[in-house]
Amino acid sequence: MPKTFYLPEPNFSGIWTNTGDAAAQPEYKDGVSVFKFTVDGDDSPTAVFSVCDGESAQRTTLAGLRRGWVNSVCHFSGFPPPNSRSVTSVTDGVAIRQENGGWKVQVKSKVQFAT
């Protein structure tokens, strides 16, 4: 049975550590959650992920462009216009579970920006 959880932004290497404050949450938390993950079951070694629709997640992702971590997990064509207000996942990304419980991007999510 599919299971959904939420994680904040990854590090610059495209890894979500899933420890401490970055631990997976079963529900979207405004101000914390940035990516939505779905796995086929608790033991699944792979997950699909996308950018959350929440306003805070959108702002964090747009700010992440300047900080550089978005490039590690998302593919996009050209830098978005400065008045961009939203990020939409066109295709889901794929992440692989790490031995320490974190997740590492295997296939980047394709995103587009809108004003």
PDB file of N, CA and C in Angstrom:
ATOM      1  N   MET A   1       0.840  -1.173   0.000  1.00  0.00           N
ATOM      2  CA  MET A   1       0.000   0.000   0.000  1.00  0.00           C
ATOM      3  C   MET A   1       0.892   1.244   0.000  1.00  0.00           C
ATOM      4  N   PRO A   2       0.645   2.207  -0.899  1.00  0.00           N
ATOM      5  CA  PRO A   2       1.479   3.409  -0.967  1.00  0.00           C
ATOM      6  C   PRO A   2       1.435   4.218   0.332  1.00  0.00           C
ATOM      7  N   LYS A   3       2.583   4.780   0.660  1.00  0.00           N
ATOM      8  CA  LYS A   3       2.724   5.588   1.869  1.00  0.00           C
ATOM      9  C   LYS A   3       3.326   6.937   1.460  1.00  0.00           C
ATOM     10  N   THR A   4       2.771   8.019   2.014  1.00  0.00           N
ATOM     11  CA  THR A   4       3.245   9.359   1.701  1.00  0.00           C
ATOM     12  C   THR A   4       3.866   9.981   2.939  1.00  0.00           C
ATOM     13  N   PHE A   5       4.959  10.707   2.743  1.00  0.00           N
ATOM     14  CA  PHE A   5       5.585  11.470   3.818  1.00  0.00           C
ATOM     15  C   PHE A   5       6.222  12.713   3.224  1.00  0.00           C
ATOM     16  N   TYR A   6       6.616  13.628   4.099  1.00  0.00           N
ATOM     17  CA  TYR A   6       7.115  14.924   3.663  1.00  0.00           C
ATOM     18  C   TYR A   6       8.476  15.211   4.273  1.00  0.00           C
ATOM     19  N   LEU A   7       9.353  15.830   3.474  1.00  0.00           N
ATOM     20  CA  LEU A   7      10.687  16.194   3.922  1.00  0.00           C
ATOM     21  C   LEU A   7      10.983  17.645   3.568  1.00  0.00           C
ATOM     22  N   PRO A   8      11.890  18.285   4.314  1.00  0.00           N
ATOM     23  CA  PRO A   8      12.299  19.648   3.969  1.00  0.00           C
ATOM     24  C   PRO A   8      13.251  19.629   2.777  1.00  0.00           C
ATOM     25  N   GLU A   9      13.947  20.730   2.547  1.00  0.00           N
ATOM     26  CA  GLU A   9      14.871  20.787   1.411  1.00  0.00           C
ATOM     27  C   GLU A   9      16.052  19.850   1.642  1.00  0.00           C
ATOM     28  N   PRO A  10      16.651  19.357   0.557  1.00  0.00           N
ATOM     29  CA  PRO A  10      17.821  18.479   0.658  1.00  0.00           C
ATOM     30  C   PRO A  10      19.094  19.302   0.830  1.00  0.00           C
ATOM     31  N   ASN A  11      20.213  18.615   0.979  1.00  0.00           N
ATOM     32  CA  ASN A  11      21.492  19.327   0.981  1.00  0.00           C
ATOM     33  C   ASN A  11      21.955  19.528  -0.466  1.00  0.00           C
ATOM     34  N   PHE A  12      23.111  20.125  -0.642  1.00  0.00           N
ATOM     35  CA  PHE A  12      23.609  20.449  -1.981  1.00  0.00           C
ATOM     36  C   PHE A  12      23.989  19.214  -2.788  1.00  0.00           C
ATOM     37  N   SER A  13      24.099  18.067  -2.141  1.00  0.00           N
ATOM     38  CA  SER A  13      24.417  16.816  -2.840  1.00  0.00           C
ATOM     39  C   SER A  13      23.169  16.053  -3.252  1.00  0.00           C
ATOM     40  N   GLY A  14      21.975  16.630  -3.008  1.00  0.00           N
ATOM     41  CA  GLY A  14      20.740  15.950  -3.368  1.00  0.00           C
ATOM     42  C   GLY A  14      20.360  14.851  -2.399  1.00  0.00           C
ATOM     43  N   ILE A  15      20.709  15.042  -1.122  1.00  0.00           N
ATOM     44  CA  ILE A  15      20.399  14.050  -0.095  1.00  0.00           C
ATOM     45  C   ILE A  15      19.510  14.686   0.975  1.00  0.00           C
ATOM     46  N   TRP A  16      18.413  14.005   1.258  1.00  0.00           N
ATOM     47  CA  TRP A  16      17.554  14.366   2.387  1.00  0.00           C
ATOM     48  C   TRP A  16      18.029  13.493   3.530  1.00  0.00           C
ATOM     49  N   THR A  17      18.527  14.085   4.613  1.00  0.00           N
ATOM     50  CA  THR A  17      19.159  13.306   5.675  1.00  0.00           C
ATOM     51  C   THR A  17      18.172  12.501   6.510  1.00  0.00           C
ATOM     52  N   ASN A  18      16.935  12.966   6.665  1.00  0.00           N
ATOM     53  CA  ASN A  18      15.896  12.256   7.424  1.00  0.00           C
ATOM     54  C   ASN A  18      16.310  11.998   8.868  1.00  0.00           C
ATOM     55  N   THR A  19      16.979  13.000   9.461  1.00  0.00           N
ATOM     56  CA  THR A  19      17.349  12.919  10.877  1.00  0.00           C
ATOM     57  C   THR A  19      17.043  14.247  11.555  1.00  0.00           C
ATOM     58  N   GLY A  20      16.841  14.221  12.836  1.00  0.00           N
ATOM     59  CA  GLY A  20      16.609  15.445  13.598  1.00  0.00           C
ATOM     60  C   GLY A  20      15.459  16.271  13.048  1.00  0.00           C
ATOM     61  N   ASP A  21      15.711  17.555  12.825  1.00  0.00           N
ATOM     62  CA  ASP A  21      14.682  18.460  12.315  1.00  0.00           C
ATOM     63  C   ASP A  21      14.279  18.136  10.881  1.00  0.00           C
ATOM     64  N   ALA A  22      15.097  17.363  10.176  1.00  0.00           N
ATOM     65  CA  ALA A  22      14.806  17.019   8.787  1.00  0.00           C
ATOM     66  C   ALA A  22      14.070  15.683   8.666  1.00  0.00           C
ATOM     67  N   ALA A  23      13.638  15.112   9.761  1.00  0.00           N
ATOM     68  CA  ALA A  23      12.980  13.801   9.738  1.00  0.00           C
ATOM     69  C   ALA A  23      11.671  13.843   8.966  1.00  0.00           C
ATOM     70  N   ALA A  24      11.353  12.737   8.338  1.00  0.00           N
ATOM     71  CA  ALA A  24      10.118  12.617   7.568  1.00  0.00           C
ATOM     72  C   ALA A  24       8.903  12.838   8.460  1.00  0.00           C
ATOM     73  N   GLN A  25       7.939  13.549   7.923  1.00  0.00           N
ATOM     74  CA  GLN A  25       6.686  13.827   8.630  1.00  0.00           C
ATOM     75  C   GLN A  25       5.538  13.151   7.877  1.00  0.00           C
ATOM     76  N   PRO A  26       4.583  12.552   8.565  1.00  0.00           N
ATOM     77  CA  PRO A  26       3.477  11.868   7.882  1.00  0.00           C
ATOM     78  C   PRO A  26       2.467  12.841   7.264  1.00  0.00           C
ATOM     79  N   GLU A  27       2.500  14.107   7.688  1.00  0.00           N
ATOM     80  CA  GLU A  27       1.587  15.110   7.145  1.00  0.00           C
ATOM     81  C   GLU A  27       2.373  16.351   6.759  1.00  0.00           C
ATOM     82  N   TYR A  28       1.833  17.109   5.816  1.00  0.00           N
ATOM     83  CA  TYR A  28       2.450  18.362   5.395  1.00  0.00           C
ATOM     84  C   TYR A  28       2.479  19.324   6.579  1.00  0.00           C
ATOM     85  N   LYS A  29       3.649  19.929   6.827  1.00  0.00           N
ATOM     86  CA  LYS A  29       3.787  20.920   7.903  1.00  0.00           C
ATOM     87  C   LYS A  29       4.259  22.224   7.277  1.00  0.00           C
ATOM     88  N   ASP A  30       3.409  23.239   7.359  1.00  0.00           N
ATOM     89  CA  ASP A  30       3.733  24.538   6.800  1.00  0.00           C
ATOM     90  C   ASP A  30       5.013  25.072   7.440  1.00  0.00           C
ATOM     91  N   GLY A  31       5.916  25.541   6.628  1.00  0.00           N
ATOM     92  CA  GLY A  31       7.178  26.068   7.122  1.00  0.00           C
ATOM     93  C   GLY A  31       8.269  25.030   7.270  1.00  0.00           C
ATOM     94  N   VAL A  32       7.938  23.754   7.108  1.00  0.00           N
ATOM     95  CA  VAL A  32       8.914  22.670   7.240  1.00  0.00           C
ATOM     96  C   VAL A  32       8.948  21.818   5.966  1.00  0.00           C
ATOM     97  N   SER A  33       7.786  21.347   5.550  1.00  0.00           N
ATOM     98  CA  SER A  33       7.701  20.438   4.405  1.00  0.00           C
ATOM     99  C   SER A  33       7.947  21.180   3.094  1.00  0.00           C
ATOM    100  N   VAL A  34       8.786  20.590   2.241  1.00  0.00           N
ATOM    101  CA  VAL A  34       9.054  21.156   0.923  1.00  0.00           C
ATOM    102  C   VAL A  34       8.779  20.119  -0.162  1.00  0.00           C
ATOM    103  N   PHE A  35       9.090  18.858   0.118  1.00  0.00           N
ATOM    104  CA  PHE A  35       8.897  17.788  -0.863  1.00  0.00           C
ATOM    105  C   PHE A  35       7.957  16.706  -0.334  1.00  0.00           C
ATOM    106  N   LYS A  36       7.131  16.209  -1.217  1.00  0.00           N
ATOM    107  CA  LYS A  36       6.217  15.107  -0.922  1.00  0.00           C
ATOM    108  C   LYS A  36       6.830  13.838  -1.514  1.00  0.00           C
ATOM    109  N   PHE A  37       6.983  12.820  -0.694  1.00  0.00           N
ATOM    110  CA  PHE A  37       7.528  11.530  -1.109  1.00  0.00           C
ATOM    111  C   PHE A  37       6.431  10.473  -1.045  1.00  0.00           C
ATOM    112  N   THR A  38       6.470   9.537  -1.974  1.00  0.00           N
ATOM    113  CA  THR A  38       5.551   8.408  -1.953  1.00  0.00           C
ATOM    114  C   THR A  38       6.353   7.133  -2.195  1.00  0.00           C
ATOM    115  N   VAL A  39       6.146   6.150  -1.323  1.00  0.00           N
ATOM    116  CA  VAL A  39       6.782   4.841  -1.461  1.00  0.00           C
ATOM    117  C   VAL A  39       5.688   3.784  -1.561  1.00  0.00           C
ATOM    118  N   ASP A  40       6.026   2.641  -2.163  1.00  0.00           N
ATOM    119  CA  ASP A  40       5.050   1.559  -2.299  1.00  0.00           C
ATOM    120  C   ASP A  40       4.795   0.833  -0.986  1.00  0.00           C
ATOM    121  N   GLY A  41       5.708   0.897  -0.063  1.00  0.00           N
ATOM    122  CA  GLY A  41       5.566   0.236   1.236  1.00  0.00           C
ATOM    123  C   GLY A  41       6.698   0.664   2.141  1.00  0.00           C
ATOM    124  N   ASP A  42       6.630   0.310   3.407  1.00  0.00           N
ATOM    125  CA  ASP A  42       7.638   0.723   4.377  1.00  0.00           C
ATOM    126  C   ASP A  42       9.056   0.288   4.011  1.00  0.00           C
ATOM    127  N   ASP A  43       9.202  -0.843   3.338  1.00  0.00           N
ATOM    128  CA  ASP A  43      10.522  -1.370   3.014  1.00  0.00           C
ATOM    129  C   ASP A  43      10.980  -1.034   1.599  1.00  0.00           C
ATOM    130  N   SER A  44      10.226  -0.237   0.883  1.00  0.00           N
ATOM    131  CA  SER A  44      10.567   0.095  -0.495  1.00  0.00           C
ATOM    132  C   SER A  44      11.887   0.865  -0.557  1.00  0.00           C
ATOM    133  N   PRO A  45      12.800   0.443  -1.438  1.00  0.00           N
ATOM    134  CA  PRO A  45      14.086   1.135  -1.541  1.00  0.00           C
ATOM    135  C   PRO A  45      14.026   2.409  -2.396  1.00  0.00           C
ATOM    136  N   THR A  46      12.916   2.621  -3.095  1.00  0.00           N
ATOM    137  CA  THR A  46      12.794   3.807  -3.936  1.00  0.00           C
ATOM    138  C   THR A  46      11.517   4.570  -3.603  1.00  0.00           C
ATOM    139  N   ALA A  47      11.564   5.868  -3.872  1.00  0.00           N
ATOM    140  CA  ALA A  47      10.405   6.732  -3.672  1.00  0.00           C
ATOM    141  C   ALA A  47      10.317   7.692  -4.840  1.00  0.00           C
ATOM    142  N   VAL A  48       9.109   8.139  -5.134  1.00  0.00           N
ATOM    143  CA  VAL A  48       8.942   9.243  -6.074  1.00  0.00           C
ATOM    144  C   VAL A  48       8.707  10.499  -5.242  1.00  0.00           C
ATOM    145  N   PHE A  49       9.164  11.641  -5.754  1.00  0.00           N
ATOM    146  CA  PHE A  49       9.014  12.880  -5.004  1.00  0.00           C
ATOM    147  C   PHE A  49       8.643  14.028  -5.926  1.00  0.00           C
ATOM    148  N   SER A  50       8.008  15.029  -5.325  1.00  0.00           N
ATOM    149  CA  SER A  50       7.626  16.241  -6.046  1.00  0.00           C
ATOM    150  C   SER A  50       7.621  17.406  -5.068  1.00  0.00           C
ATOM    151  N   VAL A  51       7.635  18.622  -5.609  1.00  0.00           N
ATOM    152  CA  VAL A  51       7.568  19.823  -4.784  1.00  0.00           C
ATOM    153  C   VAL A  51       6.150  19.948  -4.233  1.00  0.00           C
ATOM    154  N   CYS A  52       6.025  20.242  -2.944  1.00  0.00           N
ATOM    155  CA  CYS A  52       4.717  20.434  -2.316  1.00  0.00           C
ATOM    156  C   CYS A  52       4.030  21.678  -2.874  1.00  0.00           C
ATOM    157  N   ASP A  53       2.702  21.668  -2.822  1.00  0.00           N
ATOM    158  CA  ASP A  53       1.907  22.788  -3.311  1.00  0.00           C
ATOM    159  C   ASP A  53       1.768  23.924  -2.302  1.00  0.00           C
ATOM    160  N   GLY A  54       2.070  23.682  -1.054  1.00  0.00           N
ATOM    161  CA  GLY A  54       1.881  24.689  -0.010  1.00  0.00           C
ATOM    162  C   GLY A  54       2.664  25.965  -0.282  1.00  0.00           C
ATOM    163  N   GLU A  55       2.102  27.085   0.132  1.00  0.00           N
ATOM    164  CA  GLU A  55       2.719  28.392  -0.118  1.00  0.00           C
ATOM    165  C   GLU A  55       4.131  28.487   0.457  1.00  0.00           C
ATOM    166  N   SER A  56       4.323  27.994   1.662  1.00  0.00           N
ATOM    167  CA  SER A  56       5.638  28.028   2.286  1.00  0.00           C
ATOM    168  C   SER A  56       6.639  27.167   1.507  1.00  0.00           C
ATOM    169  N   ALA A  57       6.208  25.999   1.067  1.00  0.00           N
ATOM    170  CA  ALA A  57       7.072  25.110   0.275  1.00  0.00           C
ATOM    171  C   ALA A  57       7.456  25.779  -1.039  1.00  0.00           C
ATOM    172  N   GLN A  58       6.519  26.490  -1.639  1.00  0.00           N
ATOM    173  CA  GLN A  58       6.793  27.195  -2.889  1.00  0.00           C
ATOM    174  C   GLN A  58       7.848  28.289  -2.668  1.00  0.00           C
ATOM    175  N   ARG A  59       7.680  29.074  -1.608  1.00  0.00           N
ATOM    176  CA  ARG A  59       8.648  30.140  -1.310  1.00  0.00           C
ATOM    177  C   ARG A  59      10.028  29.553  -1.015  1.00  0.00           C
ATOM    178  N   THR A  60      10.065  28.471  -0.261  1.00  0.00           N
ATOM    179  CA  THR A  60      11.342  27.837   0.074  1.00  0.00           C
ATOM    180  C   THR A  60      12.037  27.326  -1.180  1.00  0.00           C
ATOM    181  N   THR A  61      11.279  26.736  -2.087  1.00  0.00           N
ATOM    182  CA  THR A  61      11.859  26.225  -3.327  1.00  0.00           C
ATOM    183  C   THR A  61      12.402  27.361  -4.184  1.00  0.00           C
ATOM    184  N   LEU A  62      11.636  28.433  -4.321  1.00  0.00           N
ATOM    185  CA  LEU A  62      12.110  29.581  -5.107  1.00  0.00           C
ATOM    186  C   LEU A  62      13.366  30.180  -4.471  1.00  0.00           C
ATOM    187  N   ALA A  63      13.402  30.280  -3.147  1.00  0.00           N
ATOM    188  CA  ALA A  63      14.590  30.778  -2.458  1.00  0.00           C
ATOM    189  C   ALA A  63      15.762  29.808  -2.628  1.00  0.00           C
ATOM    190  N   GLY A  64      15.457  28.531  -2.735  1.00  0.00           N
ATOM    191  CA  GLY A  64      16.482  27.513  -2.928  1.00  0.00           C
ATOM    192  C   GLY A  64      17.216  27.633  -4.244  1.00  0.00           C
ATOM    193  N   LEU A  65      16.594  28.310  -5.210  1.00  0.00           N
ATOM    194  CA  LEU A  65      17.281  28.555  -6.476  1.00  0.00           C
ATOM    195  C   LEU A  65      18.522  29.410  -6.235  1.00  0.00           C
ATOM    196  N   ARG A  66      18.382  30.427  -5.424  1.00  0.00           N
ATOM    197  CA  ARG A  66      19.510  31.317  -5.120  1.00  0.00           C
ATOM    198  C   ARG A  66      20.547  30.616  -4.245  1.00  0.00           C
ATOM    199  N   ARG A  67      20.084  29.736  -3.376  1.00  0.00           N
ATOM    200  CA  ARG A  67      21.012  29.030  -2.482  1.00  0.00           C
ATOM    201  C   ARG A  67      21.642  27.826  -3.153  1.00  0.00           C
ATOM    202  N   GLY A  68      21.090  27.364  -4.257  1.00  0.00           N
ATOM    203  CA  GLY A  68      21.710  26.313  -5.055  1.00  0.00           C
ATOM    204  C   GLY A  68      21.251  24.891  -4.846  1.00  0.00           C
ATOM    205  N   TRP A  69      20.473  24.591  -3.828  1.00  0.00           N
ATOM    206  CA  TRP A  69      20.105  23.187  -3.608  1.00  0.00           C
ATOM    207  C   TRP A  69      19.050  22.693  -4.588  1.00  0.00           C
ATOM    208  N   VAL A  70      18.260  23.570  -5.187  1.00  0.00           N
ATOM    209  CA  VAL A  70      17.217  23.128  -6.125  1.00  0.00           C
ATOM    210  C   VAL A  70      17.841  22.398  -7.307  1.00  0.00           C
ATOM    211  N   ASN A  71      18.986  22.869  -7.769  1.00  0.00           N
ATOM    212  CA  ASN A  71      19.660  22.223  -8.902  1.00  0.00           C
ATOM    213  C   ASN A  71      20.038  20.772  -8.615  1.00  0.00           C
ATOM    214  N   SER A  72      20.205  20.422  -7.355  1.00  0.00           N
ATOM    215  CA  SER A  72      20.619  19.059  -7.022  1.00  0.00           C
ATOM    216  C   SER A  72      19.485  18.044  -7.149  1.00  0.00           C
ATOM    217  N   VAL A  73      18.218  18.507  -7.116  1.00  0.00           N
ATOM    218  CA  VAL A  73      17.095  17.558  -7.165  1.00  0.00           C
ATOM    219  C   VAL A  73      16.046  17.886  -8.229  1.00  0.00           C
ATOM    220  N   CYS A  74      16.179  19.046  -8.880  1.00  0.00           N
ATOM    221  CA  CYS A  74      15.189  19.455  -9.887  1.00  0.00           C
ATOM    222  C   CYS A  74      15.862  19.852 -11.192  1.00  0.00           C
ATOM    223  N   HIS A  75      15.221  19.498 -12.280  1.00  0.00           N
ATOM    224  CA  HIS A  75      15.672  19.905 -13.606  1.00  0.00           C
ATOM    225  C   HIS A  75      14.694  20.951 -14.119  1.00  0.00           C
ATOM    226  N   PHE A  76      15.204  22.030 -14.695  1.00  0.00           N
ATOM    227  CA  PHE A  76      14.344  23.064 -15.260  1.00  0.00           C
ATOM    228  C   PHE A  76      15.079  23.740 -16.409  1.00  0.00           C
ATOM    229  N   SER A  77      14.305  24.325 -17.305  1.00  0.00           N
ATOM    230  CA  SER A  77      14.869  25.000 -18.471  1.00  0.00           C
ATOM    231  C   SER A  77      15.009  26.483 -18.184  1.00  0.00           C
ATOM    232  N   GLY A  78      16.204  26.940 -18.062  1.00  0.00           N
ATOM    233  CA  GLY A  78      16.455  28.352 -17.830  1.00  0.00           C
ATOM    234  C   GLY A  78      16.051  28.820 -16.451  1.00  0.00           C
ATOM    235  N   PHE A  79      16.689  29.898 -16.009  1.00  0.00           N
ATOM    236  CA  PHE A  79      16.360  30.467 -14.713  1.00  0.00           C
ATOM    237  C   PHE A  79      14.996  31.125 -14.794  1.00  0.00           C
ATOM    238  N   PRO A  80      14.144  30.975 -13.786  1.00  0.00           N
ATOM    239  CA  PRO A  80      12.795  31.537 -13.850  1.00  0.00           C
ATOM    240  C   PRO A  80      12.797  33.062 -13.786  1.00  0.00           C
ATOM    241  N   PRO A  81      11.727  33.683 -14.281  1.00  0.00           N
ATOM    242  CA  PRO A  81      11.624  35.135 -14.181  1.00  0.00           C
ATOM    243  C   PRO A  81      11.626  35.572 -12.708  1.00  0.00           C
ATOM    244  N   PRO A  82      12.095  36.796 -12.420  1.00  0.00           N
ATOM    245  CA  PRO A  82      12.171  37.247 -11.036  1.00  0.00           C
ATOM    246  C   PRO A  82      10.820  37.346 -10.331  1.00  0.00           C
ATOM    247  N   ASN A  83       9.740  37.432 -11.083  1.00  0.00           N
ATOM    248  CA  ASN A  83       8.406  37.534 -10.475  1.00  0.00           C
ATOM    249  C   ASN A  83       7.716  36.179 -10.341  1.00  0.00           C
ATOM    250  N   SER A  84       8.464  35.089 -10.460  1.00  0.00           N
ATOM    251  CA  SER A  84       7.880  33.748 -10.308  1.00  0.00           C
ATOM    252  C   SER A  84       7.323  33.585  -8.906  1.00  0.00           C
ATOM    253  N   ARG A  85       6.142  32.978  -8.817  1.00  0.00           N
ATOM    254  CA  ARG A  85       5.492  32.792  -7.517  1.00  0.00           C
ATOM    255  C   ARG A  85       5.195  31.327  -7.206  1.00  0.00           C
ATOM    256  N   SER A  86       5.319  30.462  -8.219  1.00  0.00           N
ATOM    257  CA  SER A  86       5.006  29.063  -7.949  1.00  0.00           C
ATOM    258  C   SER A  86       5.922  28.133  -8.735  1.00  0.00           C
ATOM    259  N   VAL A  87       6.023  26.921  -8.209  1.00  0.00           N
ATOM    260  CA  VAL A  87       6.825  25.858  -8.803  1.00  0.00           C
ATOM    261  C   VAL A  87       5.919  24.648  -8.941  1.00  0.00           C
ATOM    262  N   THR A  88       5.883  24.077 -10.126  1.00  0.00           N
ATOM    263  CA  THR A  88       5.058  22.897 -10.369  1.00  0.00           C
ATOM    264  C   THR A  88       5.943  21.756 -10.843  1.00  0.00           C
ATOM    265  N   SER A  89       5.780  20.587 -10.250  1.00  0.00           N
ATOM    266  CA  SER A  89       6.506  19.411 -10.725  1.00  0.00           C
ATOM    267  C   SER A  89       5.799  18.877 -11.964  1.00  0.00           C
ATOM    268  N   VAL A  90       6.493  18.883 -13.091  1.00  0.00           N
ATOM    269  CA  VAL A  90       5.953  18.360 -14.340  1.00  0.00           C
ATOM    270  C   VAL A  90       6.068  16.846 -14.338  1.00  0.00           C
ATOM    271  N   THR A  91       7.199  16.362 -13.874  1.00  0.00           N
ATOM    272  CA  THR A  91       7.394  14.917 -13.687  1.00  0.00           C
ATOM    273  C   THR A  91       8.001  14.698 -12.309  1.00  0.00           C
ATOM    274  N   ASP A  92       7.631  13.600 -11.681  1.00  0.00           N
ATOM    275  CA  ASP A  92       8.175  13.258 -10.378  1.00  0.00           C
ATOM    276  C   ASP A  92       9.638  12.867 -10.497  1.00  0.00           C
ATOM    277  N   GLY A  93      10.373  13.089  -9.427  1.00  0.00           N
ATOM    278  CA  GLY A  93      11.729  12.603  -9.331  1.00  0.00           C
ATOM    279  C   GLY A  93      11.730  11.239  -8.645  1.00  0.00           C
ATOM    280  N   VAL A  94      12.883  10.612  -8.626  1.00  0.00           N
ATOM    281  CA  VAL A  94      13.033   9.316  -7.966  1.00  0.00           C
ATOM    282  C   VAL A  94      14.205   9.419  -6.991  1.00  0.00           C
ATOM    283  N   ALA A  95      14.006   8.918  -5.789  1.00  0.00           N
ATOM    284  CA  ALA A  95      15.051   8.912  -4.766  1.00  0.00           C
ATOM    285  C   ALA A  95      15.250   7.483  -4.261  1.00  0.00           C
ATOM    286  N   ILE A  96      16.463   7.208  -3.840  1.00  0.00           N
ATOM    287  CA  ILE A  96      16.850   5.894  -3.327  1.00  0.00           C
ATOM    288  C   ILE A  96      17.107   6.014  -1.821  1.00  0.00           C
ATOM    289  N   ARG A  97      16.548   5.076  -1.057  1.00  0.00           N
ATOM    290  CA  ARG A  97      16.767   5.058   0.393  1.00  0.00           C
ATOM    291  C   ARG A  97      18.230   4.724   0.689  1.00  0.00           C
ATOM    292  N   GLN A  98      18.821   5.479   1.607  1.00  0.00           N
ATOM    293  CA  GLN A  98      20.202   5.265   2.038  1.00  0.00           C
ATOM    294  C   GLN A  98      20.227   4.390   3.295  1.00  0.00           C
ATOM    295  N   GLU A  99      21.362   3.802   3.596  1.00  0.00           N
ATOM    296  CA  GLU A  99      21.482   2.931   4.767  1.00  0.00           C
ATOM    297  C   GLU A  99      21.155   3.655   6.067  1.00  0.00           C
ATOM    298  N   ASN A 100      21.424   4.966   6.117  1.00  0.00           N
ATOM    299  CA  ASN A 100      21.183   5.732   7.338  1.00  0.00           C
ATOM    300  C   ASN A 100      19.745   6.245   7.443  1.00  0.00           C
ATOM    301  N   GLY A 101      18.875   5.835   6.498  1.00  0.00           N
ATOM    302  CA  GLY A 101      17.481   6.247   6.519  1.00  0.00           C
ATOM    303  C   GLY A 101      17.179   7.484   5.702  1.00  0.00           C
ATOM    304  N   GLY A 102      18.210   8.134   5.192  1.00  0.00           N
ATOM    305  CA  GLY A 102      18.008   9.295   4.330  1.00  0.00           C
ATOM    306  C   GLY A 102      17.621   8.862   2.921  1.00  0.00           C
ATOM    307  N   TRP A 103      17.461   9.836   2.062  1.00  0.00           N
ATOM    308  CA  TRP A 103      17.095   9.588   0.663  1.00  0.00           C
ATOM    309  C   TRP A 103      18.030  10.373  -0.241  1.00  0.00           C
ATOM    310  N   LYS A 104      18.443   9.782  -1.364  1.00  0.00           N
ATOM    311  CA  LYS A 104      19.327  10.445  -2.320  1.00  0.00           C
ATOM    312  C   LYS A 104      18.658  10.444  -3.691  1.00  0.00           C
ATOM    313  N   VAL A 105      18.685  11.605  -4.325  1.00  0.00           N
ATOM    314  CA  VAL A 105      18.073  11.727  -5.643  1.00  0.00           C
ATOM    315  C   VAL A 105      18.756  10.779  -6.623  1.00  0.00           C
ATOM    316  N   GLN A 106      17.939  10.084  -7.416  1.00  0.00           N
ATOM    317  CA  GLN A 106      18.455   9.244  -8.494  1.00  0.00           C
ATOM    318  C   GLN A 106      18.055   9.860  -9.830  1.00  0.00           C
ATOM    319  N   VAL A 107      16.814  10.341  -9.922  1.00  0.00           N
ATOM    320  CA  VAL A 107      16.308  11.016 -11.114  1.00  0.00           C
ATOM    321  C   VAL A 107      15.692  12.332 -10.639  1.00  0.00           C
ATOM    322  N   LYS A 108      16.131  13.421 -11.217  1.00  0.00           N
ATOM    323  CA  LYS A 108      15.609  14.735 -10.809  1.00  0.00           C
ATOM    324  C   LYS A 108      14.160  14.916 -11.250  1.00  0.00           C
ATOM    325  N   SER A 109      13.408  15.649 -10.442  1.00  0.00           N
ATOM    326  CA  SER A 109      12.045  16.039 -10.790  1.00  0.00           C
ATOM    327  C   SER A 109      12.142  17.172 -11.810  1.00  0.00           C
ATOM    328  N   LYS A 110      11.320  17.133 -12.830  1.00  0.00           N
ATOM    329  CA  LYS A 110      11.291  18.227 -13.804  1.00  0.00           C
ATOM    330  C   LYS A 110      10.245  19.228 -13.313  1.00  0.00           C
ATOM    331  N   VAL A 111      10.667  20.489 -13.169  1.00  0.00           N
ATOM    332  CA  VAL A 111       9.768  21.526 -12.658  1.00  0.00           C
ATOM    333  C   VAL A 111       9.659  22.682 -13.635  1.00  0.00           C
ATOM    334  N   GLN A 112       8.573  23.432 -13.478  1.00  0.00           N
ATOM    335  CA  GLN A 112       8.408  24.678 -14.234  1.00  0.00           C
ATOM    336  C   GLN A 112       7.948  25.757 -13.273  1.00  0.00           C
ATOM    337  N   PHE A 113       8.215  26.990 -13.635  1.00  0.00           N
ATOM    338  CA  PHE A 113       7.908  28.132 -12.788  1.00  0.00           C
ATOM    339  C   PHE A 113       6.817  28.966 -13.418  1.00  0.00           C
ATOM    340  N   ALA A 114       5.968  29.556 -12.582  1.00  0.00           N
ATOM    341  CA  ALA A 114       4.882  30.400 -13.071  1.00  0.00           C
ATOM    342  C   ALA A 114       4.820  31.669 -12.248  1.00  0.00           C
ATOM    343  N   THR A 115       4.278  32.707 -12.857  1.00  0.00           N
ATOM    344  CA  THR A 115       4.137  33.993 -12.169  1.00  0.00           C
ATOM    345  C   THR A 115       2.762  34.153 -11.589  1.00  0.00           C
TER     346      THR A 115
END
